[in-house]
Amino acid sequence: MPTSEGWALYAESLGETLGLYTDPNQKLAAYKSELFRAIRLVTDVGLHTGIMSREESIQYMMEKGGREQQASVSETERYMAIPGQALSYKTGELKIMELKAKYIKSLGNKFDIKKFHDVVNEEG
């Protein structure tokens, strides 16, 4: 079952569906968050496969995400200390989305999003 980190990312993805974005800047901020998550995935995997050094990770975050140096250092060191954290966030989110699509397809009009979310929160 998905991780709690996956739930947080999944919940963030519901903003548009729920009509929570009232101006384009809010949607832009959501896209910026997704971009930063992609950058974290690259650095998390890069660091732990030996493809990327600490310094390369910091530079990558600064160049691709427009992050300040201190924030990039902090994020890089976080992922150095907790291998796979960024990967587990995204994997959990994708699993929840996969399960949701599966149950929507199999249950059709009987699918209840509230019940689905309750089960994910109880079991995840």
PDB file of N, CA and C in Angstrom:
ATOM      1  N   MET A   1       0.848  -1.184   0.000  1.00  0.00           N
ATOM      2  CA  MET A   1       0.000   0.000   0.000  1.00  0.00           C
ATOM      3  C   MET A   1       0.888   1.241   0.000  1.00  0.00           C
ATOM      4  N   PRO A   2       0.391   2.366  -0.459  1.00  0.00           N
ATOM      5  CA  PRO A   2       1.180   3.589  -0.572  1.00  0.00           C
ATOM      6  C   PRO A   2       1.702   4.098   0.766  1.00  0.00           C
ATOM      7  N   THR A   3       2.719   4.901   0.684  1.00  0.00           N
ATOM      8  CA  THR A   3       3.283   5.502   1.882  1.00  0.00           C
ATOM      9  C   THR A   3       2.511   6.751   2.259  1.00  0.00           C
ATOM     10  N   SER A   4       2.685   7.217   3.481  1.00  0.00           N
ATOM     11  CA  SER A   4       2.039   8.465   3.896  1.00  0.00           C
ATOM     12  C   SER A   4       2.546   9.630   3.066  1.00  0.00           C
ATOM     13  N   GLU A   5       3.807   9.578   2.648  1.00  0.00           N
ATOM     14  CA  GLU A   5       4.341  10.625   1.795  1.00  0.00           C
ATOM     15  C   GLU A   5       3.610  10.631   0.455  1.00  0.00           C
ATOM     16  N   GLY A   6       3.267   9.473  -0.025  1.00  0.00           N
ATOM     17  CA  GLY A   6       2.500   9.379  -1.269  1.00  0.00           C
ATOM     18  C   GLY A   6       1.137  10.020  -1.122  1.00  0.00           C
ATOM     19  N   TRP A   7       0.541   9.879   0.051  1.00  0.00           N
ATOM     20  CA  TRP A   7      -0.757  10.503   0.282  1.00  0.00           C
ATOM     21  C   TRP A   7      -0.647  12.018   0.184  1.00  0.00           C
ATOM     22  N   ALA A   8       0.378  12.586   0.752  1.00  0.00           N
ATOM     23  CA  ALA A   8       0.539  14.042   0.717  1.00  0.00           C
ATOM     24  C   ALA A   8       0.654  14.540  -0.719  1.00  0.00           C
ATOM     25  N   LEU A   9       1.448  13.888  -1.530  1.00  0.00           N
ATOM     26  CA  LEU A   9       1.578  14.306  -2.924  1.00  0.00           C
ATOM     27  C   LEU A   9       0.270  14.112  -3.677  1.00  0.00           C
ATOM     28  N   TYR A  10      -0.379  12.983  -3.424  1.00  0.00           N
ATOM     29  CA  TYR A  10      -1.668  12.732  -4.068  1.00  0.00           C
ATOM     30  C   TYR A  10      -2.670  13.818  -3.688  1.00  0.00           C
ATOM     31  N   ALA A  11      -2.739  14.153  -2.412  1.00  0.00           N
ATOM     32  CA  ALA A  11      -3.685  15.167  -1.947  1.00  0.00           C
ATOM     33  C   ALA A  11      -3.404  16.517  -2.609  1.00  0.00           C
ATOM     34  N   GLU A  12      -2.138  16.841  -2.772  1.00  0.00           N
ATOM     35  CA  GLU A  12      -1.787  18.086  -3.451  1.00  0.00           C
ATOM     36  C   GLU A  12      -2.270  18.088  -4.891  1.00  0.00           C
ATOM     37  N   SER A  13      -2.302  16.922  -5.512  1.00  0.00           N
ATOM     38  CA  SER A  13      -2.714  16.843  -6.918  1.00  0.00           C
ATOM     39  C   SER A  13      -4.212  17.067  -7.110  1.00  0.00           C
ATOM     40  N   LEU A  14      -4.972  17.098  -6.043  1.00  0.00           N
ATOM     41  CA  LEU A  14      -6.422  17.254  -6.141  1.00  0.00           C
ATOM     42  C   LEU A  14      -6.875  18.704  -6.264  1.00  0.00           C
ATOM     43  N   GLY A  15      -5.980  19.641  -6.140  1.00  0.00           N
ATOM     44  CA  GLY A  15      -6.335  21.058  -6.166  1.00  0.00           C
ATOM     45  C   GLY A  15      -7.184  21.471  -7.350  1.00  0.00           C
ATOM     46  N   GLU A  16      -6.772  21.074  -8.527  1.00  0.00           N
ATOM     47  CA  GLU A  16      -7.531  21.464  -9.721  1.00  0.00           C
ATOM     48  C   GLU A  16      -8.880  20.763  -9.761  1.00  0.00           C
ATOM     49  N   THR A  17      -8.898  19.472  -9.469  1.00  0.00           N
ATOM     50  CA  THR A  17     -10.147  18.707  -9.468  1.00  0.00           C
ATOM     51  C   THR A  17     -11.170  19.302  -8.512  1.00  0.00           C
ATOM     52  N   LEU A  18     -10.690  19.772  -7.373  1.00  0.00           N
ATOM     53  CA  LEU A  18     -11.582  20.342  -6.362  1.00  0.00           C
ATOM     54  C   LEU A  18     -11.913  21.813  -6.614  1.00  0.00           C
ATOM     55  N   GLY A  19     -11.338  22.378  -7.665  1.00  0.00           N
ATOM     56  CA  GLY A  19     -11.601  23.776  -7.988  1.00  0.00           C
ATOM     57  C   GLY A  19     -10.985  24.757  -7.011  1.00  0.00           C
ATOM     58  N   LEU A  20      -9.837  24.388  -6.447  1.00  0.00           N
ATOM     59  CA  LEU A  20      -9.207  25.228  -5.439  1.00  0.00           C
ATOM     60  C   LEU A  20      -8.351  26.355  -6.010  1.00  0.00           C
ATOM     61  N   TYR A  21      -8.001  26.266  -7.280  1.00  0.00           N
ATOM     62  CA  TYR A  21      -7.179  27.314  -7.875  1.00  0.00           C
ATOM     63  C   TYR A  21      -8.098  28.426  -8.374  1.00  0.00           C
ATOM     64  N   THR A  22      -7.965  29.579  -7.770  1.00  0.00           N
ATOM     65  CA  THR A  22      -8.828  30.701  -8.134  1.00  0.00           C
ATOM     66  C   THR A  22      -8.140  31.699  -9.049  1.00  0.00           C
ATOM     67  N   ASP A  23      -6.849  31.554  -9.234  1.00  0.00           N
ATOM     68  CA  ASP A  23      -6.138  32.393 -10.199  1.00  0.00           C
ATOM     69  C   ASP A  23      -4.968  31.604 -10.794  1.00  0.00           C
ATOM     70  N   PRO A  24      -4.490  32.026 -11.947  1.00  0.00           N
ATOM     71  CA  PRO A  24      -3.419  31.283 -12.636  1.00  0.00           C
ATOM     72  C   PRO A  24      -2.139  31.130 -11.817  1.00  0.00           C
ATOM     73  N   ASN A  25      -1.851  32.048 -10.925  1.00  0.00           N
ATOM     74  CA  ASN A  25      -0.628  31.947 -10.122  1.00  0.00           C
ATOM     75  C   ASN A  25      -0.655  30.737  -9.199  1.00  0.00           C
ATOM     76  N   GLN A  26      -1.827  30.352  -8.745  1.00  0.00           N
ATOM     77  CA  GLN A  26      -1.928  29.164  -7.889  1.00  0.00           C
ATOM     78  C   GLN A  26      -1.595  27.907  -8.681  1.00  0.00           C
ATOM     79  N   LYS A  27      -2.071  27.824  -9.894  1.00  0.00           N
ATOM     80  CA  LYS A  27      -1.762  26.673 -10.744  1.00  0.00           C
ATOM     81  C   LYS A  27      -0.273  26.680 -11.099  1.00  0.00           C
ATOM     82  N   LEU A  28       0.266  27.859 -11.351  1.00  0.00           N
ATOM     83  CA  LEU A  28       1.694  27.983 -11.636  1.00  0.00           C
ATOM     84  C   LEU A  28       2.527  27.493 -10.454  1.00  0.00           C
ATOM     85  N   ALA A  29       2.108  27.821  -9.242  1.00  0.00           N
ATOM     86  CA  ALA A  29       2.810  27.361  -8.039  1.00  0.00           C
ATOM     87  C   ALA A  29       2.764  25.835  -7.940  1.00  0.00           C
ATOM     88  N   ALA A  30       1.637  25.240  -8.314  1.00  0.00           N
ATOM     89  CA  ALA A  30       1.529  23.778  -8.301  1.00  0.00           C
ATOM     90  C   ALA A  30       2.497  23.161  -9.312  1.00  0.00           C
ATOM     91  N   TYR A  31       2.593  23.763 -10.486  1.00  0.00           N
ATOM     92  CA  TYR A  31       3.542  23.270 -11.492  1.00  0.00           C
ATOM     93  C   TYR A  31       4.980  23.414 -11.001  1.00  0.00           C
ATOM     94  N   LYS A  32       5.265  24.515 -10.323  1.00  0.00           N
ATOM     95  CA  LYS A  32       6.618  24.726  -9.784  1.00  0.00           C
ATOM     96  C   LYS A  32       6.948  23.656  -8.742  1.00  0.00           C
ATOM     97  N   SER A  33       5.970  23.296  -7.926  1.00  0.00           N
ATOM     98  CA  SER A  33       6.174  22.230  -6.941  1.00  0.00           C
ATOM     99  C   SER A  33       6.446  20.903  -7.631  1.00  0.00           C
ATOM    100  N   GLU A  34       5.734  20.626  -8.710  1.00  0.00           N
ATOM    101  CA  GLU A  34       5.961  19.383  -9.461  1.00  0.00           C
ATOM    102  C   GLU A  34       7.360  19.371 -10.077  1.00  0.00           C
ATOM    103  N   LEU A  35       7.787  20.506 -10.587  1.00  0.00           N
ATOM    104  CA  LEU A  35       9.134  20.605 -11.146  1.00  0.00           C
ATOM    105  C   LEU A  35      10.172  20.308 -10.066  1.00  0.00           C
ATOM    106  N   PHE A  36       9.988  20.886  -8.892  1.00  0.00           N
ATOM    107  CA  PHE A  36      10.954  20.652  -7.831  1.00  0.00           C
ATOM    108  C   PHE A  36      10.961  19.185  -7.400  1.00  0.00           C
ATOM    109  N   ARG A  37       9.802  18.544  -7.411  1.00  0.00           N
ATOM    110  CA  ARG A  37       9.762  17.112  -7.084  1.00  0.00           C
ATOM    111  C   ARG A  37      10.546  16.294  -8.100  1.00  0.00           C
ATOM    112  N   ALA A  38      10.431  16.673  -9.364  1.00  0.00           N
ATOM    113  CA  ALA A  38      11.189  15.977 -10.405  1.00  0.00           C
ATOM    114  C   ALA A  38      12.687  16.161 -10.179  1.00  0.00           C
ATOM    115  N   ILE A  39      13.078  17.362  -9.799  1.00  0.00           N
ATOM    116  CA  ILE A  39      14.493  17.639  -9.509  1.00  0.00           C
ATOM    117  C   ILE A  39      14.955  16.792  -8.325  1.00  0.00           C
ATOM    118  N   ARG A  40      14.115  16.678  -7.305  1.00  0.00           N
ATOM    119  CA  ARG A  40      14.468  15.846  -6.148  1.00  0.00           C
ATOM    120  C   ARG A  40      14.626  14.386  -6.542  1.00  0.00           C
ATOM    121  N   LEU A  41      13.762  13.893  -7.432  1.00  0.00           N
ATOM    122  CA  LEU A  41      13.889  12.509  -7.891  1.00  0.00           C
ATOM    123  C   LEU A  41      15.222  12.287  -8.587  1.00  0.00           C
ATOM    124  N   VAL A  42      15.602  13.214  -9.435  1.00  0.00           N
ATOM    125  CA  VAL A  42      16.875  13.095 -10.147  1.00  0.00           C
ATOM    126  C   VAL A  42      18.025  13.062  -9.151  1.00  0.00           C
ATOM    127  N   THR A  43      18.009  13.985  -8.196  1.00  0.00           N
ATOM    128  CA  THR A  43      19.138  14.056  -7.260  1.00  0.00           C
ATOM    129  C   THR A  43      19.137  12.885  -6.283  1.00  0.00           C
ATOM    130  N   ASP A  44      17.976  12.476  -5.807  1.00  0.00           N
ATOM    131  CA  ASP A  44      17.898  11.337  -4.881  1.00  0.00           C
ATOM    132  C   ASP A  44      18.483  10.087  -5.541  1.00  0.00           C
ATOM    133  N   VAL A  45      18.019   9.791  -6.723  1.00  0.00           N
ATOM    134  CA  VAL A  45      18.509   8.607  -7.435  1.00  0.00           C
ATOM    135  C   VAL A  45      19.964   8.800  -7.849  1.00  0.00           C
ATOM    136  N   GLY A  46      20.282   9.989  -8.348  1.00  0.00           N
ATOM    137  CA  GLY A  46      21.658  10.258  -8.782  1.00  0.00           C
ATOM    138  C   GLY A  46      22.674  10.103  -7.670  1.00  0.00           C
ATOM    139  N   LEU A  47      22.340  10.611  -6.498  1.00  0.00           N
ATOM    140  CA  LEU A  47      23.247  10.514  -5.352  1.00  0.00           C
ATOM    141  C   LEU A  47      23.487   9.064  -4.943  1.00  0.00           C
ATOM    142  N   HIS A  48      22.417   8.258  -4.945  1.00  0.00           N
ATOM    143  CA  HIS A  48      22.531   6.905  -4.395  1.00  0.00           C
ATOM    144  C   HIS A  48      22.913   5.848  -5.415  1.00  0.00           C
ATOM    145  N   THR A  49      23.036   6.259  -6.662  1.00  0.00           N
ATOM    146  CA  THR A  49      23.578   5.343  -7.663  1.00  0.00           C
ATOM    147  C   THR A  49      25.014   5.706  -8.006  1.00  0.00           C
ATOM    148  N   GLY A  50      25.495   6.795  -7.408  1.00  0.00           N
ATOM    149  CA  GLY A  50      26.860   7.226  -7.657  1.00  0.00           C
ATOM    150  C   GLY A  50      27.027   8.019  -8.944  1.00  0.00           C
ATOM    151  N   ILE A  51      25.931   8.328  -9.605  1.00  0.00           N
ATOM    152  CA  ILE A  51      25.988   9.086 -10.849  1.00  0.00           C
ATOM    153  C   ILE A  51      26.216  10.570 -10.573  1.00  0.00           C
ATOM    154  N   MET A  52      25.791  11.016  -9.390  1.00  0.00           N
ATOM    155  CA  MET A  52      25.844  12.432  -9.050  1.00  0.00           C
ATOM    156  C   MET A  52      26.535  12.605  -7.706  1.00  0.00           C
ATOM    157  N   SER A  53      27.429  13.570  -7.645  1.00  0.00           N
ATOM    158  CA  SER A  53      28.094  13.878  -6.374  1.00  0.00           C
ATOM    159  C   SER A  53      27.253  14.885  -5.597  1.00  0.00           C
ATOM    160  N   ARG A  54      27.635  15.119  -4.370  1.00  0.00           N
ATOM    161  CA  ARG A  54      26.960  16.127  -3.540  1.00  0.00           C
ATOM    162  C   ARG A  54      26.984  17.483  -4.241  1.00  0.00           C
ATOM    163  N   GLU A  55      28.152  17.856  -4.728  1.00  0.00           N
ATOM    164  CA  GLU A  55      28.307  19.152  -5.384  1.00  0.00           C
ATOM    165  C   GLU A  55      27.473  19.233  -6.661  1.00  0.00           C
ATOM    166  N   GLU A  56      27.432  18.150  -7.420  1.00  0.00           N
ATOM    167  CA  GLU A  56      26.620  18.137  -8.641  1.00  0.00           C
ATOM    168  C   GLU A  56      25.129  18.246  -8.321  1.00  0.00           C
ATOM    169  N   SER A  57      24.712  17.611  -7.248  1.00  0.00           N
ATOM    170  CA  SER A  57      23.313  17.702  -6.827  1.00  0.00           C
ATOM    171  C   SER A  57      22.949  19.140  -6.466  1.00  0.00           C
ATOM    172  N   ILE A  58      23.805  19.772  -5.702  1.00  0.00           N
ATOM    173  CA  ILE A  58      23.571  21.168  -5.298  1.00  0.00           C
ATOM    174  C   ILE A  58      23.476  22.059  -6.533  1.00  0.00           C
ATOM    175  N   GLN A  59      24.413  21.893  -7.433  1.00  0.00           N
ATOM    176  CA  GLN A  59      24.433  22.699  -8.662  1.00  0.00           C
ATOM    177  C   GLN A  59      23.186  22.431  -9.506  1.00  0.00           C
ATOM    178  N   TYR A  60      22.801  21.182  -9.622  1.00  0.00           N
ATOM    179  CA  TYR A  60      21.624  20.804 -10.412  1.00  0.00           C
ATOM    180  C   TYR A  60      20.365  21.471  -9.850  1.00  0.00           C
ATOM    181  N   MET A  61      20.204  21.433  -8.535  1.00  0.00           N
ATOM    182  CA  MET A  61      19.043  22.067  -7.917  1.00  0.00           C
ATOM    183  C   MET A  61      19.026  23.570  -8.158  1.00  0.00           C
ATOM    184  N   MET A  62      20.190  24.170  -8.089  1.00  0.00           N
ATOM    185  CA  MET A  62      20.271  25.625  -8.305  1.00  0.00           C
ATOM    186  C   MET A  62      19.960  25.975  -9.762  1.00  0.00           C
ATOM    187  N   GLU A  63      20.528  25.214 -10.692  1.00  0.00           N
ATOM    188  CA  GLU A  63      20.339  25.512 -12.117  1.00  0.00           C
ATOM    189  C   GLU A  63      18.940  25.172 -12.614  1.00  0.00           C
ATOM    190  N   LYS A  64      18.448  24.008 -12.261  1.00  0.00           N
ATOM    191  CA  LYS A  64      17.170  23.542 -12.813  1.00  0.00           C
ATOM    192  C   LYS A  64      15.959  24.051 -12.042  1.00  0.00           C
ATOM    193  N   GLY A  65      16.151  24.307 -10.761  1.00  0.00           N
ATOM    194  CA  GLY A  65      15.010  24.700  -9.944  1.00  0.00           C
ATOM    195  C   GLY A  65      15.043  26.125  -9.438  1.00  0.00           C
ATOM    196  N   GLY A  66      16.118  26.826  -9.753  1.00  0.00           N
ATOM    197  CA  GLY A  66      16.225  28.200  -9.294  1.00  0.00           C
ATOM    198  C   GLY A  66      16.310  28.313  -7.783  1.00  0.00           C
ATOM    199  N   ARG A  67      16.837  27.281  -7.144  1.00  0.00           N
ATOM    200  CA  ARG A  67      16.947  27.269  -5.690  1.00  0.00           C
ATOM    201  C   ARG A  67      18.184  28.037  -5.242  1.00  0.00           C
ATOM    202  N   GLU A  68      18.078  28.636  -4.078  1.00  0.00           N
ATOM    203  CA  GLU A  68      19.233  29.287  -3.459  1.00  0.00           C
ATOM    204  C   GLU A  68      20.238  28.222  -3.046  1.00  0.00           C
ATOM    205  N   GLN A  69      21.485  28.604  -2.903  1.00  0.00           N
ATOM    206  CA  GLN A  69      22.528  27.633  -2.568  1.00  0.00           C
ATOM    207  C   GLN A  69      22.244  26.931  -1.245  1.00  0.00           C
ATOM    208  N   GLN A  70      21.911  27.674  -0.193  1.00  0.00           N
ATOM    209  CA  GLN A  70      21.705  27.046   1.110  1.00  0.00           C
ATOM    210  C   GLN A  70      20.543  26.050   1.075  1.00  0.00           C
ATOM    211  N   ALA A  71      19.471  26.400   0.373  1.00  0.00           N
ATOM    212  CA  ALA A  71      18.337  25.480   0.244  1.00  0.00           C
ATOM    213  C   ALA A  71      18.743  24.230  -0.530  1.00  0.00           C
ATOM    214  N   SER A  72      19.570  24.404  -1.547  1.00  0.00           N
ATOM    215  CA  SER A  72      20.048  23.264  -2.336  1.00  0.00           C
ATOM    216  C   SER A  72      20.966  22.361  -1.523  1.00  0.00           C
ATOM    217  N   VAL A  73      21.809  22.962  -0.694  1.00  0.00           N
ATOM    218  CA  VAL A  73      22.675  22.183   0.200  1.00  0.00           C
ATOM    219  C   VAL A  73      21.814  21.389   1.173  1.00  0.00           C
ATOM    220  N   SER A  74      20.861  22.059   1.777  1.00  0.00           N
ATOM    221  CA  SER A  74      19.983  21.410   2.757  1.00  0.00           C
ATOM    222  C   SER A  74      19.214  20.235   2.139  1.00  0.00           C
ATOM    223  N   GLU A  75      18.636  20.461   0.968  1.00  0.00           N
ATOM    224  CA  GLU A  75      17.890  19.391   0.291  1.00  0.00           C
ATOM    225  C   GLU A  75      18.806  18.238  -0.091  1.00  0.00           C
ATOM    226  N   THR A  76      19.968  18.557  -0.632  1.00  0.00           N
ATOM    227  CA  THR A  76      20.912  17.507  -1.024  1.00  0.00           C
ATOM    228  C   THR A  76      21.312  16.673   0.181  1.00  0.00           C
ATOM    229  N   GLU A  77      21.638  17.328   1.273  1.00  0.00           N
ATOM    230  CA  GLU A  77      22.057  16.582   2.461  1.00  0.00           C
ATOM    231  C   GLU A  77      20.908  15.770   3.052  1.00  0.00           C
ATOM    232  N   ARG A  78      19.712  16.268   2.927  1.00  0.00           N
ATOM    233  CA  ARG A  78      18.537  15.500   3.371  1.00  0.00           C
ATOM    234  C   ARG A  78      18.436  14.192   2.591  1.00  0.00           C
ATOM    235  N   TYR A  79      18.598  14.277   1.271  1.00  0.00           N
ATOM    236  CA  TYR A  79      18.490  13.067   0.464  1.00  0.00           C
ATOM    237  C   TYR A  79      19.708  12.167   0.601  1.00  0.00           C
ATOM    238  N   MET A  80      20.839  12.741   0.964  1.00  0.00           N
ATOM    239  CA  MET A  80      22.007  11.909   1.246  1.00  0.00           C
ATOM    240  C   MET A  80      21.758  11.090   2.513  1.00  0.00           C
ATOM    241  N   ALA A  81      21.115  11.696   3.493  1.00  0.00           N
ATOM    242  CA  ALA A  81      20.878  11.044   4.785  1.00  0.00           C
ATOM    243  C   ALA A  81      19.710  10.071   4.760  1.00  0.00           C
ATOM    244  N   ILE A  82      18.758  10.302   3.870  1.00  0.00           N
ATOM    245  CA  ILE A  82      17.554   9.463   3.820  1.00  0.00           C
ATOM    246  C   ILE A  82      17.388   8.942   2.388  1.00  0.00           C
ATOM    247  N   PRO A  83      18.119   7.898   2.026  1.00  0.00           N
ATOM    248  CA  PRO A  83      18.066   7.368   0.661  1.00  0.00           C
ATOM    249  C   PRO A  83      16.652   6.954   0.263  1.00  0.00           C
ATOM    250  N   GLY A  84      16.280   7.337  -0.940  1.00  0.00           N
ATOM    251  CA  GLY A  84      15.006   6.899  -1.496  1.00  0.00           C
ATOM    252  C   GLY A  84      13.796   7.687  -1.034  1.00  0.00           C
ATOM    253  N   GLN A  85      13.981   8.734  -0.246  1.00  0.00           N
ATOM    254  CA  GLN A  85      12.832   9.464   0.269  1.00  0.00           C
ATOM    255  C   GLN A  85      12.027  10.095  -0.862  1.00  0.00           C
ATOM    256  N   ALA A  86      12.666  10.814  -1.755  1.00  0.00           N
ATOM    257  CA  ALA A  86      11.946  11.434  -2.867  1.00  0.00           C
ATOM    258  C   ALA A  86      11.284  10.372  -3.734  1.00  0.00           C
ATOM    259  N   LEU A  87      11.990   9.276  -3.914  1.00  0.00           N
ATOM    260  CA  LEU A  87      11.455   8.180  -4.714  1.00  0.00           C
ATOM    261  C   LEU A  87      10.226   7.574  -4.049  1.00  0.00           C
ATOM    262  N   SER A  88      10.255   7.421  -2.738  1.00  0.00           N
ATOM    263  CA  SER A  88       9.098   6.836  -2.055  1.00  0.00           C
ATOM    264  C   SER A  88       7.886   7.764  -2.105  1.00  0.00           C
ATOM    265  N   TYR A  89       8.112   9.070  -2.035  1.00  0.00           N
ATOM    266  CA  TYR A  89       6.996  10.026  -2.157  1.00  0.00           C
ATOM    267  C   TYR A  89       6.257   9.801  -3.473  1.00  0.00           C
ATOM    268  N   LYS A  90       7.038   9.827  -4.551  1.00  0.00           N
ATOM    269  CA  LYS A  90       6.429   9.750  -5.878  1.00  0.00           C
ATOM    270  C   LYS A  90       5.847   8.372  -6.144  1.00  0.00           C
ATOM    271  N   THR A  91       6.521   7.331  -5.696  1.00  0.00           N
ATOM    272  CA  THR A  91       6.009   5.977  -5.881  1.00  0.00           C
ATOM    273  C   THR A  91       4.671   5.810  -5.171  1.00  0.00           C
ATOM    274  N   GLY A  92       4.578   6.333  -3.960  1.00  0.00           N
ATOM    275  CA  GLY A  92       3.313   6.255  -3.220  1.00  0.00           C
ATOM    276  C   GLY A  92       2.199   6.994  -3.928  1.00  0.00           C
ATOM    277  N   GLU A  93       2.487   8.204  -4.402  1.00  0.00           N
ATOM    278  CA  GLU A  93       1.476   8.983  -5.128  1.00  0.00           C
ATOM    279  C   GLU A  93       1.003   8.234  -6.368  1.00  0.00           C
ATOM    280  N   LEU A  94       1.941   7.704  -7.142  1.00  0.00           N
ATOM    281  CA  LEU A  94       1.583   6.987  -8.363  1.00  0.00           C
ATOM    282  C   LEU A  94       0.753   5.743  -8.067  1.00  0.00           C
ATOM    283  N   LYS A  95       1.060   5.069  -6.966  1.00  0.00           N
ATOM    284  CA  LYS A  95       0.293   3.877  -6.602  1.00  0.00           C
ATOM    285  C   LYS A  95      -1.148   4.243  -6.241  1.00  0.00           C
ATOM    286  N   ILE A  96      -1.315   5.320  -5.492  1.00  0.00           N
ATOM    287  CA  ILE A  96      -2.668   5.764  -5.151  1.00  0.00           C
ATOM    288  C   ILE A  96      -3.438   6.100  -6.422  1.00  0.00           C
ATOM    289  N   MET A  97      -2.803   6.804  -7.344  1.00  0.00           N
ATOM    290  CA  MET A  97      -3.469   7.163  -8.601  1.00  0.00           C
ATOM    291  C   MET A  97      -3.825   5.918  -9.415  1.00  0.00           C
ATOM    292  N   GLU A  98      -2.925   4.945  -9.405  1.00  0.00           N
ATOM    293  CA  GLU A  98      -3.170   3.691 -10.112  1.00  0.00           C
ATOM    294  C   GLU A  98      -4.374   2.959  -9.514  1.00  0.00           C
ATOM    295  N   LEU A  99      -4.403   2.869  -8.190  1.00  0.00           N
ATOM    296  CA  LEU A  99      -5.525   2.196  -7.530  1.00  0.00           C
ATOM    297  C   LEU A  99      -6.841   2.935  -7.765  1.00  0.00           C
ATOM    298  N   LYS A 100      -6.791   4.236  -7.718  1.00  0.00           N
ATOM    299  CA  LYS A 100      -7.998   5.039  -7.955  1.00  0.00           C
ATOM    300  C   LYS A 100      -8.544   4.766  -9.360  1.00  0.00           C
ATOM    301  N   ALA A 101      -7.665   4.803 -10.354  1.00  0.00           N
ATOM    302  CA  ALA A 101      -8.091   4.539 -11.737  1.00  0.00           C
ATOM    303  C   ALA A 101      -8.669   3.132 -11.874  1.00  0.00           C
ATOM    304  N   LYS A 102      -8.039   2.175 -11.212  1.00  0.00           N
ATOM    305  CA  LYS A 102      -8.511   0.786 -11.257  1.00  0.00           C
ATOM    306  C   LYS A 102      -9.926   0.676 -10.698  1.00  0.00           C
ATOM    307  N   TYR A 103     -10.164   1.304  -9.536  1.00  0.00           N
ATOM    308  CA  TYR A 103     -11.473   1.196  -8.906  1.00  0.00           C
ATOM    309  C   TYR A 103     -12.532   2.027  -9.615  1.00  0.00           C
ATOM    310  N   ILE A 104     -12.152   3.130 -10.202  1.00  0.00           N
ATOM    311  CA  ILE A 104     -13.103   3.899 -11.007  1.00  0.00           C
ATOM    312  C   ILE A 104     -13.551   3.059 -12.193  1.00  0.00           C
ATOM    313  N   LYS A 105     -12.599   2.402 -12.825  1.00  0.00           N
ATOM    314  CA  LYS A 105     -12.910   1.567 -13.986  1.00  0.00           C
ATOM    315  C   LYS A 105     -13.786   0.375 -13.605  1.00  0.00           C
ATOM    316  N   SER A 106     -13.450  -0.280 -12.503  1.00  0.00           N
ATOM    317  CA  SER A 106     -14.200  -1.481 -12.135  1.00  0.00           C
ATOM    318  C   SER A 106     -15.553  -1.175 -11.492  1.00  0.00           C
ATOM    319  N   LEU A 107     -15.670  -0.070 -10.774  1.00  0.00           N
ATOM    320  CA  LEU A 107     -16.915   0.238 -10.066  1.00  0.00           C
ATOM    321  C   LEU A 107     -17.820   1.217 -10.817  1.00  0.00           C
ATOM    322  N   GLY A 108     -17.249   1.962 -11.739  1.00  0.00           N
ATOM    323  CA  GLY A 108     -18.055   2.920 -12.499  1.00  0.00           C
ATOM    324  C   GLY A 108     -18.744   3.916 -11.575  1.00  0.00           C
ATOM    325  N   ASN A 109     -20.058   4.067 -11.755  1.00  0.00           N
ATOM    326  CA  ASN A 109     -20.836   5.027 -10.962  1.00  0.00           C
ATOM    327  C   ASN A 109     -20.894   4.677  -9.478  1.00  0.00           C
ATOM    328  N   LYS A 110     -20.550   3.456  -9.126  1.00  0.00           N
ATOM    329  CA  LYS A 110     -20.570   3.045  -7.716  1.00  0.00           C
ATOM    330  C   LYS A 110     -19.310   3.481  -6.962  1.00  0.00           C
ATOM    331  N   PHE A 111     -18.333   3.969  -7.711  1.00  0.00           N
ATOM    332  CA  PHE A 111     -17.100   4.422  -7.071  1.00  0.00           C
ATOM    333  C   PHE A 111     -17.404   5.631  -6.197  1.00  0.00           C
ATOM    334  N   ASP A 112     -16.938   5.582  -4.954  1.00  0.00           N
ATOM    335  CA  ASP A 112     -17.142   6.672  -3.994  1.00  0.00           C
ATOM    336  C   ASP A 112     -15.773   7.193  -3.569  1.00  0.00           C
ATOM    337  N   ILE A 113     -15.450   8.401  -4.015  1.00  0.00           N
ATOM    338  CA  ILE A 113     -14.133   8.965  -3.741  1.00  0.00           C
ATOM    339  C   ILE A 113     -13.889   9.110  -2.240  1.00  0.00           C
ATOM    340  N   LYS A 114     -14.900   9.448  -1.487  1.00  0.00           N
ATOM    341  CA  LYS A 114     -14.727   9.598  -0.040  1.00  0.00           C
ATOM    342  C   LYS A 114     -14.365   8.264   0.605  1.00  0.00           C
ATOM    343  N   LYS A 115     -15.039   7.197   0.196  1.00  0.00           N
ATOM    344  CA  LYS A 115     -14.717   5.872   0.742  1.00  0.00           C
ATOM    345  C   LYS A 115     -13.305   5.448   0.328  1.00  0.00           C
ATOM    346  N   PHE A 116     -12.959   5.740  -0.915  1.00  0.00           N
ATOM    347  CA  PHE A 116     -11.612   5.408  -1.380  1.00  0.00           C
ATOM    348  C   PHE A 116     -10.560   6.112  -0.528  1.00  0.00           C
ATOM    349  N   HIS A 117     -10.762   7.398  -0.298  1.00  0.00           N
ATOM    350  CA  HIS A 117      -9.801   8.157   0.511  1.00  0.00           C
ATOM    351  C   HIS A 117      -9.754   7.636   1.950  1.00  0.00           C
ATOM    352  N   ASP A 118     -10.902   7.257   2.490  1.00  0.00           N
ATOM    353  CA  ASP A 118     -10.917   6.679   3.841  1.00  0.00           C
ATOM    354  C   ASP A 118     -10.072   5.406   3.903  1.00  0.00           C
ATOM    355  N   VAL A 119     -10.235   4.545   2.918  1.00  0.00           N
ATOM    356  CA  VAL A 119      -9.478   3.287   2.900  1.00  0.00           C
ATOM    357  C   VAL A 119      -7.982   3.553   2.764  1.00  0.00           C
ATOM    358  N   VAL A 120      -7.620   4.466   1.870  1.00  0.00           N
ATOM    359  CA  VAL A 120      -6.194   4.788   1.702  1.00  0.00           C
ATOM    360  C   VAL A 120      -5.626   5.335   3.001  1.00  0.00           C
ATOM    361  N   ASN A 121      -6.350   6.210   3.650  1.00  0.00           N
ATOM    362  CA  ASN A 121      -5.851   6.788   4.900  1.00  0.00           C
ATOM    363  C   ASN A 121      -5.789   5.770   6.038  1.00  0.00           C
ATOM    364  N   GLU A 122      -6.700   4.831   6.065  1.00  0.00           N
ATOM    365  CA  GLU A 122      -6.684   3.797   7.098  1.00  0.00           C
ATOM    366  C   GLU A 122      -5.576   2.783   6.859  1.00  0.00           C
ATOM    367  N   GLU A 123      -5.382   2.413   5.611  1.00  0.00           N
ATOM    368  CA  GLU A 123      -4.441   1.340   5.270  1.00  0.00           C
ATOM    369  C   GLU A 123      -3.058   1.841   4.905  1.00  0.00           C
ATOM    370  N   GLY A 124      -2.946   3.059   4.389  1.00  0.00           N
ATOM    371  CA  GLY A 124      -1.682   3.590   3.892  1.00  0.00           C
ATOM    372  C   GLY A 124      -0.774   3.967   4.970  1.00  0.00           C
TER     373      GLY A 124
END
